[in-house]
C-alpha atoms as a PDB file:
ATOM      1  CA  MET A   1       9.658  -1.521  -5.959  1.00  0.00           C
ATOM      2  CA  ASP A   2       6.775  -0.908  -7.971  1.00  0.00           C
ATOM      3  CA  ILE A   3       4.755   2.469  -6.213  1.00  0.00           C
ATOM      4  CA  LYS A   4       2.273   3.872  -8.808  1.00  0.00           C
ATOM      5  CA  LEU A   5       0.795   6.623  -7.650  1.00  0.00           C
ATOM      6  CA  ASP A   6      -2.888   8.630  -8.491  1.00  0.00           C
ATOM      7  CA  PHE A   7      -2.191  12.386  -8.262  1.00  0.00           C
ATOM      8  CA  ARG A   8      -6.646  12.050  -8.893  1.00  0.00           C
ATOM      9  CA  LEU A   9      -7.012  11.032  -5.313  1.00  0.00           C
ATOM     10  CA  ARG A  10      -7.978  12.773  -2.570  1.00  0.00           C
ATOM     11  CA  THR A  11      -5.635  10.309  -0.533  1.00  0.00           C
ATOM     12  CA  PRO A  12      -2.451  12.347   0.144  1.00  0.00           C
ATOM     13  CA  ILE A  13       0.960  11.163  -2.182  1.00  0.00           C
ATOM     14  CA  TYR A  14       2.775  10.232   0.960  1.00  0.00           C
ATOM     15  CA  VAL A  15      -0.281   8.127   2.384  1.00  0.00           C
ATOM     16  CA  GLN A  16      -0.225   6.324  -0.522  1.00  0.00           C
ATOM     17  CA  ILE A  17       3.600   5.643  -1.083  1.00  0.00           C
ATOM     18  CA  MET A  18       2.797   4.073   2.963  1.00  0.00           C
ATOM     19  CA  GLU A  19      -0.253   2.276   2.375  1.00  0.00           C
ATOM     20  CA  GLN A  20       1.505   0.644  -1.054  1.00  0.00           C
ATOM     21  CA  ILE A  21       4.955  -0.290   1.092  1.00  0.00           C
ATOM     22  CA  ARG A  22       2.877  -1.579   3.323  1.00  0.00           C
ATOM     23  CA  ARG A  23       0.656  -3.395   1.037  1.00  0.00           C
ATOM     24  CA  GLN A  24       4.456  -4.835  -0.720  1.00  0.00           C
ATOM     25  CA  ILE A  25       5.019  -6.370   2.926  1.00  0.00           C
ATOM     26  CA  ALA A  26       1.821  -7.556   3.623  1.00  0.00           C
ATOM     27  CA  SER A  27       2.377 -10.083   0.242  1.00  0.00           C
ATOM     28  CA  GLN A  28       5.828 -10.565   0.808  1.00  0.00           C
ATOM     29  CA  VAL A  29       6.664  -8.793  -2.776  1.00  0.00           C
ATOM     30  CA  LEU A  30       8.842  -7.040   0.148  1.00  0.00           C
ATOM     31  CA  LYS A  31      10.866  -8.840   2.281  1.00  0.00           C
ATOM     32  CA  PRO A  32      12.082  -8.609   5.557  1.00  0.00           C
ATOM     33  CA  GLY A  33      15.975  -7.380   5.843  1.00  0.00           C
ATOM     34  CA  GLU A  34      15.208  -6.356   2.184  1.00  0.00           C
ATOM     35  CA  GLN A  35      16.792  -2.767   1.524  1.00  0.00           C
ATOM     36  CA  LEU A  36      14.643  -0.103  -0.016  1.00  0.00           C
ATOM     37  CA  PRO A  37      15.263   2.798  -2.540  1.00  0.00           C
ATOM     38  CA  THR A  38      17.228   5.886  -0.855  1.00  0.00           C
ATOM     39  CA  VAL A  39      14.636   9.000  -0.085  1.00  0.00           C
ATOM     40  CA  ARG A  40      16.464  10.769  -3.438  1.00  0.00           C
ATOM     41  CA  GLN A  41      15.944   7.821  -5.163  1.00  0.00           C
ATOM     42  CA  LEU A  42      12.202   7.350  -4.374  1.00  0.00           C
ATOM     43  CA  ALA A  43      11.345  10.756  -4.942  1.00  0.00           C
ATOM     44  CA  ALA A  44      13.556  11.101  -8.391  1.00  0.00           C
ATOM     45  CA  ASP A  45      11.482   7.411  -9.486  1.00  0.00           C
ATOM     46  CA  LEU A  46       7.864   8.419  -8.746  1.00  0.00           C
ATOM     47  CA  ARG A  47       8.533  12.361  -9.168  1.00  0.00           C
ATOM     48  CA  VAL A  48       7.556  13.855  -6.362  1.00  0.00           C
ATOM     49  CA  ASN A  49       9.432  16.097  -3.612  1.00  0.00           C
ATOM     50  CA  PHE A  50      12.083  15.015  -1.408  1.00  0.00           C
ATOM     51  CA  ASN A  51      10.039  15.610   1.514  1.00  0.00           C
ATOM     52  CA  THR A  52       6.839  13.625   0.505  1.00  0.00           C
ATOM     53  CA  VAL A  53       9.218  10.607   0.925  1.00  0.00           C
ATOM     54  CA  ALA A  54      10.725  11.383   3.593  1.00  0.00           C
ATOM     55  CA  ARG A  55       7.499  11.820   5.511  1.00  0.00           C
ATOM     56  CA  SER A  56       6.241   8.204   4.494  1.00  0.00           C
ATOM     57  CA  TYR A  57       9.580   6.773   5.332  1.00  0.00           C
ATOM     58  CA  ARG A  58       9.671   8.548   8.968  1.00  0.00           C
ATOM     59  CA  LEU A  59       6.014   7.328   9.697  1.00  0.00           C
ATOM     60  CA  LEU A  60       7.052   3.914   8.326  1.00  0.00           C
ATOM     61  CA  ASP A  61       9.641   3.903  10.492  1.00  0.00           C
ATOM     62  CA  GLU A  62       7.941   5.434  13.843  1.00  0.00           C
ATOM     63  CA  ALA A  63       5.274   2.178  12.998  1.00  0.00           C
ATOM     64  CA  GLY A  64       7.989   0.155  12.986  1.00  0.00           C
ATOM     65  CA  ILE A  65       7.471  -1.431   9.469  1.00  0.00           C
ATOM     66  CA  ILE A  66      10.883  -0.249   8.309  1.00  0.00           C
ATOM     67  CA  SER A  67      14.353   0.649  10.112  1.00  0.00           C
ATOM     68  CA  THR A  68      16.415   3.828   8.628  1.00  0.00           C
ATOM     69  CA  GLN A  69      19.956   3.326   9.422  1.00  0.00           C
ATOM     70  CA  HIS A  70      21.629   6.643   9.019  1.00  0.00           C
ATOM     71  CA  GLY A  71      24.800   6.289   6.768  1.00  0.00           C
ATOM     72  CA  ARG A  72      23.645   2.356   5.935  1.00  0.00           C
ATOM     73  CA  GLY A  73      20.271   2.485   4.187  1.00  0.00           C
ATOM     74  CA  THR A  74      16.333   2.077   4.955  1.00  0.00           C
ATOM     75  CA  TYR A  75      15.363  -1.665   5.753  1.00  0.00           C
ATOM     76  CA  ILE A  76      12.376  -3.557   6.020  1.00  0.00           C
ATOM     77  CA  LEU A  77      12.254  -4.930   9.811  1.00  0.00           C
ATOM     78  CA  GLU A  78      12.686  -8.366  10.345  1.00  0.00           C
ATOM     79  CA  GLU A  79       9.253 -10.758  10.172  1.00  0.00           C
ATOM     80  CA  SER A  80       7.173  -9.841  12.791  1.00  0.00           C
ATOM     81  CA  SER A  81       4.694 -11.985  14.846  1.00  0.00           C
ATOM     82  CA  PRO A  82       1.889 -13.625  13.155  1.00  0.00           C
ATOM     83  CA  GLU A  83      -0.130 -11.524  14.358  1.00  0.00           C
ATOM     84  CA  ASP A  84       1.535  -7.821  13.145  1.00  0.00           C
ATOM     85  CA  SER A  85       1.246  -9.546   9.890  1.00  0.00           C
ATOM     86  CA  ALA A  86      -2.499 -10.451   9.639  1.00  0.00           C
ATOM     87  CA  HIS A  87      -2.561  -6.768  10.935  1.00  0.00           C
ATOM     88  CA  LEU A  88      -0.824  -5.472   8.156  1.00  0.00           C
ATOM     89  CA  ARG A  89      -2.868  -7.579   5.458  1.00  0.00           C
ATOM     90  CA  ARG A  90      -6.079  -5.946   7.074  1.00  0.00           C
ATOM     91  CA  GLN A  91      -4.909  -2.816   6.650  1.00  0.00           C
ATOM     92  CA  ALA A  92      -4.136  -3.395   2.991  1.00  0.00           C
ATOM     93  CA  LEU A  93      -7.255  -4.754   2.400  1.00  0.00           C
ATOM     94  CA  GLU A  94      -9.078  -2.138   4.165  1.00  0.00           C
ATOM     95  CA  GLU A  95      -6.869   0.351   1.945  1.00  0.00           C
ATOM     96  CA  LEU A  96      -7.756  -1.630  -1.480  1.00  0.00           C
ATOM     97  CA  THR A  97     -11.253  -1.263  -0.051  1.00  0.00           C
ATOM     98  CA  ARG A  98     -11.160   2.532   0.660  1.00  0.00           C
ATOM     99  CA  ARG A  99      -9.957   3.508  -2.830  1.00  0.00           C
ATOM    100  CA  PHE A 100     -12.205   1.136  -4.585  1.00  0.00           C
ATOM    101  CA  MET A 101     -15.318   2.877  -2.829  1.00  0.00           C
ATOM    102  CA  GLU A 102     -13.921   6.457  -3.427  1.00  0.00           C
ATOM    103  CA  GLU A 103     -12.750   5.870  -7.313  1.00  0.00           C
ATOM    104  CA  ALA A 104     -16.677   4.294  -7.408  1.00  0.00           C
ATOM    105  CA  ALA A 105     -18.359   7.117  -5.732  1.00  0.00           C
ATOM    106  CA  GLN A 106     -16.283   9.755  -8.020  1.00  0.00           C
ATOM    107  CA  LEU A 107     -17.583   8.060 -11.617  1.00  0.00           C
ATOM    108  CA  ASN A 108     -21.317   8.418  -9.707  1.00  0.00           C
ATOM    109  CA  PHE A 109     -22.306   4.860  -9.004  1.00  0.00           C
ATOM    110  CA  ASN A 110     -24.924   4.191  -6.743  1.00  0.00           C
ATOM    111  CA  PRO A 111     -24.262   1.405  -3.728  1.00  0.00           C
ATOM    112  CA  GLU A 112     -26.795  -1.024  -5.602  1.00  0.00           C
ATOM    113  CA  GLU A 113     -24.866  -1.182  -8.607  1.00  0.00           C
ATOM    114  CA  ILE A 114     -20.993  -2.098  -6.469  1.00  0.00           C
ATOM    115  CA  ASP A 115     -22.597  -4.455  -4.520  1.00  0.00           C
ATOM    116  CA  GLU A 116     -24.161  -5.735  -8.059  1.00  0.00           C
ATOM    117  CA  GLN A 117     -20.822  -6.120  -9.490  1.00  0.00           C
ATOM    118  CA  PHE A 118     -18.709  -6.938  -6.623  1.00  0.00           C
ATOM    119  CA  GLU A 119     -20.983  -9.512  -5.426  1.00  0.00           C
ATOM    120  CA  GLN A 120     -20.429 -10.909  -9.556  1.00  0.00           C
ATOM    121  CA  TYR A 121     -17.274 -10.696  -9.326  1.00  0.00           C
ATOM    122  CA  LEU A 122     -16.797 -12.454  -5.660  1.00  0.00           C
ATOM    123  CA  GLU A 123     -18.945 -15.371  -7.024  1.00  0.00           C
ATOM    124  CA  ALA A 124     -17.013 -15.749  -9.984  1.00  0.00           C
ATOM    125  CA  TRP A 125     -13.896 -16.005  -8.047  1.00  0.00           C
ATOM    126  CA  LYS A 126     -15.381 -18.285  -5.469  1.00  0.00           C
ATOM    127  CA  SER A 127     -16.484 -20.623  -8.006  1.00  0.00           C
ATOM    128  CA  ARG A 128     -12.924 -20.400 -10.188  1.00  0.00           C
ATOM    129  CA  GLY A 129     -10.833 -20.805  -6.873  1.00  0.00           C
ATOM    130  CA  ALA A 130      -8.798 -17.872  -8.057  1.00  0.00           C
ATOM    131  CA  PRO A 131      -9.052 -14.154  -8.509  1.00  0.00           C
ATOM    132  CA  LEU A 132      -9.939 -12.688 -12.204  1.00  0.00           C
END
């Protein structure tokens, strides 16, 4: 599992972990039934506090995205309905957009500059039929 944390963002680390797991599920990088690393292992890999990862897992479990089975591990829940999958994909897109806007604002870009750049990339993508 590939998770990249950005400690400069205002987004709490546990939320970054949750969002990246959600995104990997929505994009089918993580598949239903797949086992996640233990809380301790992921905390060590990411060099964060055990409780940070535990909080992410707990919230994902409460949301019905993963299932933690004491003594057996943590697993991606079996495939959800098309509506749930679409909802996860929309959440992932919203998070990407929010992070993009947050970082652009931190770099002091104004809305017009952001819109112009975004439109250029979007038009290039549409004309190629694939992302850049």
